[in-house]
C-alpha cells in the first residue's frame, strides 16, 4: 500500500504525458529571464506639435509639445494635453483655458531648439521665428492658406476669434482646443482634458505630403532632442 502511494506521488510530481522539462529549468534564475523590471520608459515615436497660447498682455506664447493625444471622438472630439508646471505655456493655458495645437512638418525642425529650449519670458520668440523664415500669422489667415477643413463649420474663417494666439505658417494641421473641467494633477505636469472646437488641415498640397509631419524619432536622429525628450542646447 505504501509503495503504491509512493509511486502515485512520484507520477503526480513528474511531467504529464507528452510534456518535456524545459532545458536548464532547475538552474534558471530571475537574472536570466528576458523580461526584467526597468525604470526606463519606452522610447516612443510621437508627433511633434507647438502649442500656441495667449499671454496675459496679449502676446502669443509658443513651445514645442509632444504630450498631446486625442482621447475621445463622439459626441465631440476630445484631447488630453500635458502642461509642464512652471512654464509660460502652463501659466497661459491654466489662466485662459484654451490654446491651438499646431502639428509641425519637417520644415519646422529648425525652430525646435529655440521654441523648446527657451522661455518666452526671456526671449522674443516671434522675432526669432521670423528670422528663421516663419513669420507668425493669424488663425484666419492660416485657415485660408489651409483651405479649411473645420468640422461642422463653413468658410475659412469660422472658428477663428480676434483674441486667438498667432500661429506658425505651413503646419500640417491646427487643432483649436478649449479646456473642459479642472486641470488634473500629474506630478511635474498638469493634464487638461479639452474639447476640440475646430480643426484645420492643408488640402492644397498632395495627400502624401499632407500626411508628413515631424516626429520625435526624426528629432532624435537630427540630434535636436534627447531620449528623454528635452531640447539639446549647444550639443548638450
Protein backbone atom coordinates (compact mmCIF):
# COMPACT_ATOMS: atom_id res chain seq x y z
CA UNK A 1 0.00 0.00 0.00
CA UNK A 2 2.77 2.44 0.96
CA UNK A 3 4.75 1.50 -2.13
CA UNK A 4 1.70 2.15 -4.34
CA UNK A 5 1.11 5.55 -2.70
CA UNK A 6 4.76 6.49 -3.26
CA UNK A 7 4.51 5.59 -6.93
CA UNK A 8 1.35 7.70 -7.33
CA UNK A 9 3.02 10.72 -5.68
CA UNK A 10 6.05 10.35 -7.92
CA UNK A 11 3.84 10.22 -11.02
CA UNK A 12 1.94 13.34 -9.95
CA UNK A 13 5.19 15.26 -9.48
CA UNK A 14 6.56 14.26 -12.88
CA UNK A 15 5.67 15.99 -16.21
CA UNK A 16 2.41 14.93 -17.82
CA UNK A 17 2.50 12.56 -20.76
CA UNK A 18 3.91 14.30 -23.81
CA UNK A 19 5.41 17.22 -21.81
CA UNK A 20 9.12 17.93 -21.68
CA UNK A 21 11.02 19.59 -18.90
CA UNK A 22 12.47 22.89 -20.22
CA UNK A 23 16.26 22.81 -20.59
CA UNK A 24 18.07 24.11 -17.52
CA UNK A 25 14.74 24.63 -15.74
CA UNK A 26 16.32 23.57 -12.50
CA UNK A 27 19.10 26.13 -12.81
CA UNK A 28 17.05 29.05 -14.21
CA UNK A 29 17.12 32.22 -12.09
CA UNK A 30 15.34 35.62 -12.25
CA UNK A 31 18.56 37.22 -13.55
CA UNK A 32 18.43 35.03 -16.67
CA UNK A 33 14.84 36.00 -17.55
CA UNK A 34 14.33 38.01 -20.77
CA UNK A 35 11.72 40.29 -19.18
CA UNK A 36 13.01 42.41 -16.32
CA UNK A 37 11.79 45.32 -14.25
CA UNK A 38 13.02 48.70 -15.51
CA UNK A 39 12.65 52.37 -14.63
CA UNK A 40 13.39 53.45 -18.22
CA UNK A 41 10.22 54.38 -20.14
CA UNK A 42 9.76 53.01 -23.67
CA UNK A 43 11.28 55.14 -26.41
CA UNK A 44 8.20 56.29 -28.31
CA UNK A 45 7.87 57.95 -31.68
CA UNK A 46 5.34 60.74 -31.18
CA UNK A 47 4.01 63.60 -33.31
CA UNK A 48 5.64 66.95 -32.59
CA UNK A 49 3.36 69.94 -32.00
CA UNK A 50 3.73 73.53 -30.96
CA UNK A 51 1.05 74.71 -28.53
CA UNK A 52 0.13 78.36 -29.12
CA UNK A 53 -1.34 80.15 -26.10
CA UNK A 54 -2.22 83.73 -25.23
CA UNK A 55 -0.19 85.62 -22.64
CA UNK A 56 -1.80 87.95 -20.12
CA UNK A 57 -0.52 91.02 -22.02
CA UNK A 58 -1.98 89.73 -25.30
CA UNK A 59 1.24 88.36 -26.76
CA UNK A 60 1.41 84.81 -28.11
CA UNK A 61 3.28 82.10 -26.24
CA UNK A 62 4.64 79.16 -28.20
CA UNK A 63 6.54 75.99 -27.29
CA UNK A 64 7.42 72.51 -28.55
CA UNK A 65 4.85 69.98 -27.37
CA UNK A 66 4.72 66.18 -27.50
CA UNK A 67 2.38 65.38 -24.57
CA UNK A 68 -0.85 65.65 -26.56
CA UNK A 69 -3.24 63.00 -27.83
CA UNK A 70 -6.89 62.54 -28.85
CA UNK A 71 -8.85 60.65 -26.18
CA UNK A 72 -12.43 60.72 -27.49
CA UNK A 73 -14.33 61.06 -30.78
CA UNK A 74 -18.07 61.13 -30.03
CA UNK A 75 -20.27 63.01 -29.41
CA UNK A 76 -17.45 65.59 -29.57
CA UNK A 77 -13.74 65.18 -30.17
CA UNK A 78 -11.65 65.44 -27.01
CA UNK A 79 -7.92 65.72 -26.45
CA UNK A 80 -5.63 65.39 -23.44
CA UNK A 81 -2.77 67.86 -23.20
CA UNK A 82 0.08 67.65 -20.66
CA UNK A 83 1.27 71.03 -19.36
CA UNK A 84 4.69 71.29 -17.70
CA UNK A 85 4.45 73.23 -14.45
CA UNK A 86 6.42 76.47 -14.23
CA UNK A 87 6.38 77.19 -17.96
CA UNK A 88 4.72 80.14 -19.65
CA UNK A 89 2.58 77.68 -21.64
CA UNK A 90 1.26 76.15 -18.41
CA UNK A 91 0.61 79.60 -16.93
CA UNK A 92 -1.24 80.78 -20.06
CA UNK A 93 -3.35 77.66 -20.51
CA UNK A 94 -4.25 77.46 -16.82
CA UNK A 95 -5.46 81.06 -16.94
CA UNK A 96 -7.17 81.12 -20.35
CA UNK A 97 -8.31 77.50 -20.63
CA UNK A 98 -7.59 77.36 -24.35
CA UNK A 99 -4.90 77.06 -26.99
CA UNK A 100 -4.17 75.88 -30.51
CA UNK A 101 -2.11 72.77 -31.23
CA UNK A 102 -0.03 73.07 -34.40
CA UNK A 103 1.13 69.79 -35.94
CA UNK A 104 4.60 70.58 -37.23
CA UNK A 105 6.14 69.49 -40.52
CA UNK A 106 9.78 68.53 -41.11
CA UNK A 107 10.40 72.07 -42.38
CA UNK A 108 9.80 73.36 -38.84
CA UNK A 109 12.71 71.36 -37.34
CA UNK A 110 14.93 74.45 -37.30
CA UNK A 111 12.58 76.00 -34.71
CA UNK A 112 12.77 73.17 -32.18
CA UNK A 113 15.84 74.27 -30.21
CA UNK A 114 14.60 77.84 -29.85
CA UNK A 115 10.90 77.11 -29.17
CA UNK A 116 11.58 74.11 -26.93
CA UNK A 117 14.81 75.12 -25.23
CA UNK A 118 13.97 78.66 -24.10
CA UNK A 119 11.15 80.58 -22.45
CA UNK A 120 9.08 83.38 -23.91
CA UNK A 121 9.76 85.20 -20.63
CA UNK A 122 13.40 85.52 -21.70
CA UNK A 123 13.38 85.91 -25.50
CA UNK A 124 11.12 87.24 -28.24
CA UNK A 125 10.10 84.01 -29.95
CA UNK A 126 8.05 85.82 -32.57
CA UNK A 127 11.04 87.75 -33.91
CA UNK A 128 13.28 84.68 -33.67
CA UNK A 129 10.81 82.66 -35.77
CA UNK A 130 10.63 85.50 -38.32
CA UNK A 131 14.43 85.49 -38.59
CA UNK A 132 14.25 81.78 -39.43
CA UNK A 133 11.63 82.40 -42.13
CA UNK A 134 8.46 81.63 -40.15
CA UNK A 135 6.56 84.89 -39.68
CA UNK A 136 3.61 84.26 -37.34
CA UNK A 137 0.13 84.52 -38.83
CA UNK A 138 -3.46 84.73 -37.56
CA UNK A 139 -5.75 81.69 -37.36
CA UNK A 140 -7.99 83.26 -40.03
CA UNK A 141 -5.04 83.54 -42.38
CA UNK A 142 -3.84 80.03 -41.54
CA UNK A 143 -7.32 78.67 -42.24
CA UNK A 144 -7.46 80.44 -45.60
CA UNK A 145 -4.00 79.15 -46.52
CA UNK A 146 -5.06 75.64 -45.48
CA UNK A 147 -8.31 75.66 -47.48
CA UNK A 148 -10.10 74.98 -44.19
CA UNK A 149 -11.46 71.62 -43.06
CA UNK A 150 -13.24 72.83 -39.93
CA UNK A 151 -15.72 70.22 -38.70
CA UNK A 152 -19.30 71.41 -38.58
CA UNK A 153 -18.39 74.85 -39.89
CA UNK A 154 -18.41 76.66 -43.21
CA UNK A 155 -15.97 79.22 -44.51
CA UNK A 156 -12.26 79.64 -43.98
CA UNK A 157 -12.56 82.00 -41.01
CA UNK A 158 -15.15 80.10 -38.99
CA UNK A 159 -13.88 79.21 -35.52
CA UNK A 160 -11.29 81.99 -35.56
CA UNK A 161 -11.52 84.78 -33.00
CA UNK A 162 -9.73 88.10 -32.82
CA UNK A 163 -8.16 87.14 -29.48
CA UNK A 164 -6.78 83.81 -30.69
CA UNK A 165 -2.99 83.38 -30.40
CA UNK A 166 -0.86 83.80 -33.50
CA UNK A 167 0.37 80.69 -35.33
CA UNK A 168 3.25 79.25 -37.32
CA UNK A 169 2.69 79.09 -41.08
CA UNK A 170 2.66 75.82 -43.04
CA UNK A 171 1.65 73.37 -40.30
CA UNK A 172 0.15 70.00 -41.22
CA UNK A 173 -2.86 70.73 -39.01
CA UNK A 174 -4.21 73.24 -36.50
CA UNK A 175 -6.39 71.98 -33.62
CA UNK A 176 -8.28 74.58 -31.59
CA UNK A 177 -8.81 73.36 -28.03
CA UNK A 178 -10.89 74.55 -25.07
CA UNK A 179 -10.36 73.13 -21.58
CA UNK A 180 -13.21 71.15 -20.04
CA UNK A 181 -13.22 70.70 -16.27
CA UNK A 182 -10.36 71.23 -13.85
CA UNK A 183 -6.72 70.50 -14.56
CA UNK A 184 -5.60 67.05 -13.40
CA UNK A 185 -2.52 66.71 -11.20
CA UNK A 186 0.17 64.57 -12.85
CA UNK A 187 3.21 65.43 -10.76
CA UNK A 188 5.52 67.71 -12.73
CA UNK A 189 2.72 68.18 -15.26
CA UNK A 190 -0.95 69.00 -15.15
CA UNK A 191 -3.29 67.43 -17.69
CA UNK A 192 -6.07 69.34 -19.43
CA UNK A 193 -8.97 67.45 -20.99
CA UNK A 194 -10.10 69.60 -23.91
CA UNK A 195 -12.93 69.86 -26.38
CA UNK A 196 -11.84 70.25 -29.99
CA UNK A 197 -13.63 73.37 -31.22
CA UNK A 198 -12.26 73.31 -34.78
CA UNK A 199 -9.64 71.58 -36.92
CA UNK A 200 -7.87 72.91 -39.99
CA UNK A 201 -5.83 70.81 -42.43
CA UNK A 202 -3.93 71.88 -45.51
CA UNK A 203 -5.65 70.41 -48.57
CA UNK A 204 -3.77 72.44 -51.17
CA UNK A 205 -0.79 70.11 -51.15
CA UNK A 206 -0.56 66.48 -52.37
CA UNK A 207 -2.07 63.97 -49.96
CA UNK A 208 1.23 62.18 -49.31
CA UNK A 209 2.90 65.45 -48.37
CA UNK A 210 -0.08 66.38 -46.19
CA UNK A 211 0.42 63.16 -44.21
CA UNK A 212 4.01 64.12 -43.48
CA UNK A 213 4.58 65.57 -40.03
CA UNK A 214 7.55 65.99 -37.70
CA UNK A 215 8.17 63.19 -35.20
CA UNK A 216 10.28 62.71 -32.10
CA UNK A 217 12.23 59.93 -33.84
CA UNK A 218 13.31 62.41 -36.52
CA UNK A 219 14.33 64.98 -33.90
CA UNK A 220 16.41 62.37 -32.05
CA UNK A 221 18.08 61.35 -35.32
CA UNK A 222 18.93 65.01 -36.01
CA UNK A 223 20.37 65.41 -32.52
CA UNK A 224 17.81 68.07 -31.58
CA UNK A 225 16.24 66.28 -28.60
CA UNK A 226 17.47 63.72 -26.11
CA UNK A 227 15.94 60.31 -25.46
CA UNK A 228 14.19 61.99 -22.51
CA UNK A 229 12.55 64.37 -24.99
CA UNK A 230 14.43 67.50 -23.92
CA UNK A 231 15.82 70.05 -26.37
CA UNK A 232 19.58 69.66 -26.79
CA UNK A 233 21.30 73.01 -26.38
CA UNK A 234 24.82 73.58 -27.73
CA UNK A 235 25.25 69.86 -28.30
CA UNK A 236 24.48 69.00 -24.67
